[in-house]
Every structure is written in C-alpha cells, then in structure tokens.
Amino acid sequence: MQDKHLFEYAVIRVMPRVEREEFINVGIIMYCAKLKYLNAAFEVFPERLVALNCQLELDTIERNLDAIVTICKGGKAAGPIGMLDLAGRFRWLTATRSTVVQCSKVHPGFCVDAEETLNKLMAELVL
C-alpha cells in the first residue's frame, strides 16, 4: 500500500472589487513537504469575471497568476521570495491580502501523487 502524504492547499481567487467581497475561483496552490512539492495551476474564464462586472484587464490578472507559478518554481527568476524554501514560499503566497488576486485559507489533505491531487482540486474547485 502506498503511503499518503499530508499536503496543504489554498484556492486562488480573483476579487475584482475587494470592497464587495465577491470572487471567482481561478486556481490552486498546493504544498507537500514530504514530497518536496510546491506548485500552482490556474485557469481564467473571462465570462465569469464579466458576471462580477470586472473592469480589470485579463492580461493584468494573468500576469499576477503567472507570478504565483514562478514563485512556486523558485530560483532567481522569482526574485527574493523565490529564494525562500518551499514552506516559506507557500506561506508567503497564501498570506492574507486585500488585493484583487488572493488566496483562501489553507486547507489540509492527504495524497499519494501530488500532481494528480492538484489536478483533482482544480477540477473540483475551479473548472
């Protein structure tokens, strides 16, 4: 039997008007210490943003989401935050913010295959 590993994840949200607290789920950030895994995936559906009267440019939102993926990968290309260890980058990315792109609270779970679990969470919570 394969071992299950504790992981943590947060849902990435776009909140076009922070004062209204309405949001659209657009992605997942997932971290598993045991598997040394940190990754994010996102998918933006413009028609969903229109439903919230979003006046932001899609390119701006996608650049912010791309930055999350870059930080997950780490390294110099991700700037100073990219030099932190996996846990540090995950905590920084999931910290509470009052911005257009933000994360839900962190939730735990168990997985065998981290990439498969990330894809499952995307299908269930975003797509």
Protein backbone atom coordinates (compact mmCIF):
# COMPACT_ATOMS: atom_id res chain seq x y z
CA MET A 1 0.00 0.00 0.00
CA GLN A 2 1.30 3.44 -0.90
CA ASP A 3 1.86 5.98 1.84
CA LYS A 4 -0.38 9.01 1.91
CA HIS A 5 1.35 12.32 2.47
CA LEU A 6 -0.01 15.37 4.26
CA PHE A 7 -0.43 18.32 1.91
CA GLU A 8 -1.81 21.83 2.18
CA TYR A 9 -3.59 23.85 -0.45
CA ALA A 10 -5.32 27.17 -0.97
CA VAL A 11 -7.74 28.29 -3.65
CA ILE A 12 -6.53 31.25 -5.73
CA ARG A 13 -9.28 33.81 -6.20
CA VAL A 14 -9.84 36.89 -8.29
CA MET A 15 -11.80 39.53 -6.41
CA PRO A 16 -12.43 42.36 -8.92
CA ARG A 17 -13.92 44.71 -6.32
CA VAL A 18 -12.41 43.95 -2.94
CA GLU A 19 -14.99 46.05 -1.11
CA ARG A 20 -17.81 43.80 -2.39
CA GLU A 21 -16.03 40.57 -1.33
CA GLU A 22 -17.26 38.73 -4.44
CA PHE A 23 -14.76 36.41 -6.06
CA ILE A 24 -14.18 33.78 -8.72
CA ASN A 25 -12.01 30.71 -8.04
CA VAL A 26 -9.27 30.64 -10.67
CA GLY A 27 -6.57 28.30 -9.35
CA ILE A 28 -4.94 26.16 -6.68
CA ILE A 29 -1.63 26.40 -4.81
CA MET A 30 -0.52 23.08 -3.33
CA TYR A 31 2.37 22.27 -0.99
CA CYS A 32 3.55 18.86 0.27
CA ALA A 33 6.65 18.92 2.49
CA LYS A 34 7.27 15.17 2.38
CA LEU A 35 7.23 15.09 -1.43
CA LYS A 36 9.12 18.42 -1.67
CA TYR A 37 6.32 19.70 -3.88
CA LEU A 38 5.08 23.24 -4.40
CA ASN A 39 3.07 24.10 -7.48
CA ALA A 40 0.16 26.20 -8.66
CA ALA A 41 -2.26 25.89 -11.54
CA PHE A 42 -4.86 28.34 -12.78
CA GLU A 43 -7.49 28.82 -15.45
CA VAL A 44 -9.25 32.14 -16.00
CA PHE A 45 -12.69 32.19 -17.58
CA PRO A 46 -13.35 35.76 -18.80
CA GLU A 47 -17.12 35.21 -18.91
CA ARG A 48 -17.13 34.52 -15.16
CA LEU A 49 -15.29 37.78 -14.50
CA VAL A 50 -17.83 39.66 -16.62
CA ALA A 51 -20.56 38.32 -14.33
CA LEU A 52 -18.93 40.25 -11.47
CA ASN A 53 -18.68 43.41 -13.55
CA CYS A 54 -14.90 43.05 -13.61
CA GLN A 55 -13.28 46.02 -15.30
CA LEU A 56 -9.74 44.71 -14.96
CA GLU A 57 -7.73 43.70 -17.97
CA LEU A 58 -7.37 39.96 -18.34
CA ASP A 59 -3.65 40.38 -19.12
CA THR A 60 -3.07 42.03 -15.75
CA ILE A 61 -4.81 39.23 -13.89
CA GLU A 62 -2.91 36.54 -15.81
CA ARG A 63 0.45 38.27 -15.15
CA ASN A 64 -0.30 38.16 -11.42
CA LEU A 65 -1.23 34.49 -11.66
CA ASP A 66 1.90 33.72 -13.70
CA ALA A 67 3.94 35.34 -10.91
CA ILE A 68 2.45 32.86 -8.42
CA VAL A 69 3.54 29.93 -10.60
CA THR A 70 7.03 31.45 -10.99
CA ILE A 71 7.39 31.86 -7.21
CA CYS A 72 6.31 28.25 -6.71
CA LYS A 73 9.13 27.14 -9.02
CA GLY A 74 11.59 29.29 -7.06
CA GLY A 75 15.04 30.46 -8.05
CA LYS A 76 16.46 33.84 -9.01
CA ALA A 77 13.81 34.40 -11.69
CA ALA A 78 11.23 34.58 -8.89
CA GLY A 79 13.05 37.39 -7.07
CA PRO A 80 13.81 37.44 -3.34
CA ILE A 81 10.72 35.39 -2.45
CA GLY A 82 11.84 32.70 -4.89
CA MET A 83 14.97 32.20 -2.80
CA LEU A 84 12.96 31.07 0.24
CA ASP A 85 12.49 27.37 0.96
CA LEU A 86 9.28 25.65 -0.22
CA ALA A 87 7.42 26.20 3.04
CA GLY A 88 8.43 29.87 3.15
CA ARG A 89 7.26 30.47 -0.42
CA PHE A 90 3.94 28.69 0.25
CA ARG A 91 3.32 30.72 3.43
CA TRP A 92 4.20 33.97 1.64
CA LEU A 93 1.89 33.18 -1.28
CA THR A 94 -1.04 32.21 0.95
CA ALA A 95 -0.74 35.10 3.41
CA THR A 96 -3.93 37.13 3.86
CA ARG A 97 -4.14 40.06 1.45
CA SER A 98 -6.62 42.72 0.37
CA THR A 99 -5.78 42.57 -3.31
CA VAL A 100 -7.53 41.56 -6.50
CA VAL A 101 -5.67 38.21 -6.65
CA GLN A 102 -5.68 36.49 -3.27
CA CYS A 103 -5.91 33.06 -1.64
CA SER A 104 -8.43 31.28 0.52
CA LYS A 105 -7.48 29.97 3.92
CA VAL A 106 -5.12 27.00 3.81
CA HIS A 107 -6.73 23.55 3.90
CA PRO A 108 -5.06 20.18 4.64
CA GLY A 109 -5.44 16.80 2.99
CA PHE A 110 -3.64 13.55 2.21
CA CYS A 111 -2.31 12.48 -1.17
CA VAL A 112 -0.27 9.78 -2.84
CA ASP A 113 0.54 11.68 -6.05
CA ALA A 114 0.83 15.45 -5.63
CA GLU A 115 0.37 16.39 -9.30
CA GLU A 116 -2.70 14.16 -9.59
CA THR A 117 -4.15 15.74 -6.46
CA LEU A 118 -3.51 19.26 -7.77
CA ASN A 119 -5.35 18.37 -10.98
CA LYS A 120 -8.24 16.86 -8.99
CA LEU A 121 -8.55 20.01 -6.85
CA MET A 122 -8.53 22.15 -9.99
CA ALA A 123 -11.33 20.07 -11.49
CA GLU A 124 -13.43 20.16 -8.31
CA LEU A 125 -12.91 23.77 -7.21
CA VAL A 126 -12.09 25.80 -10.32
CA LEU A 127 -13.07 24.23 -13.64
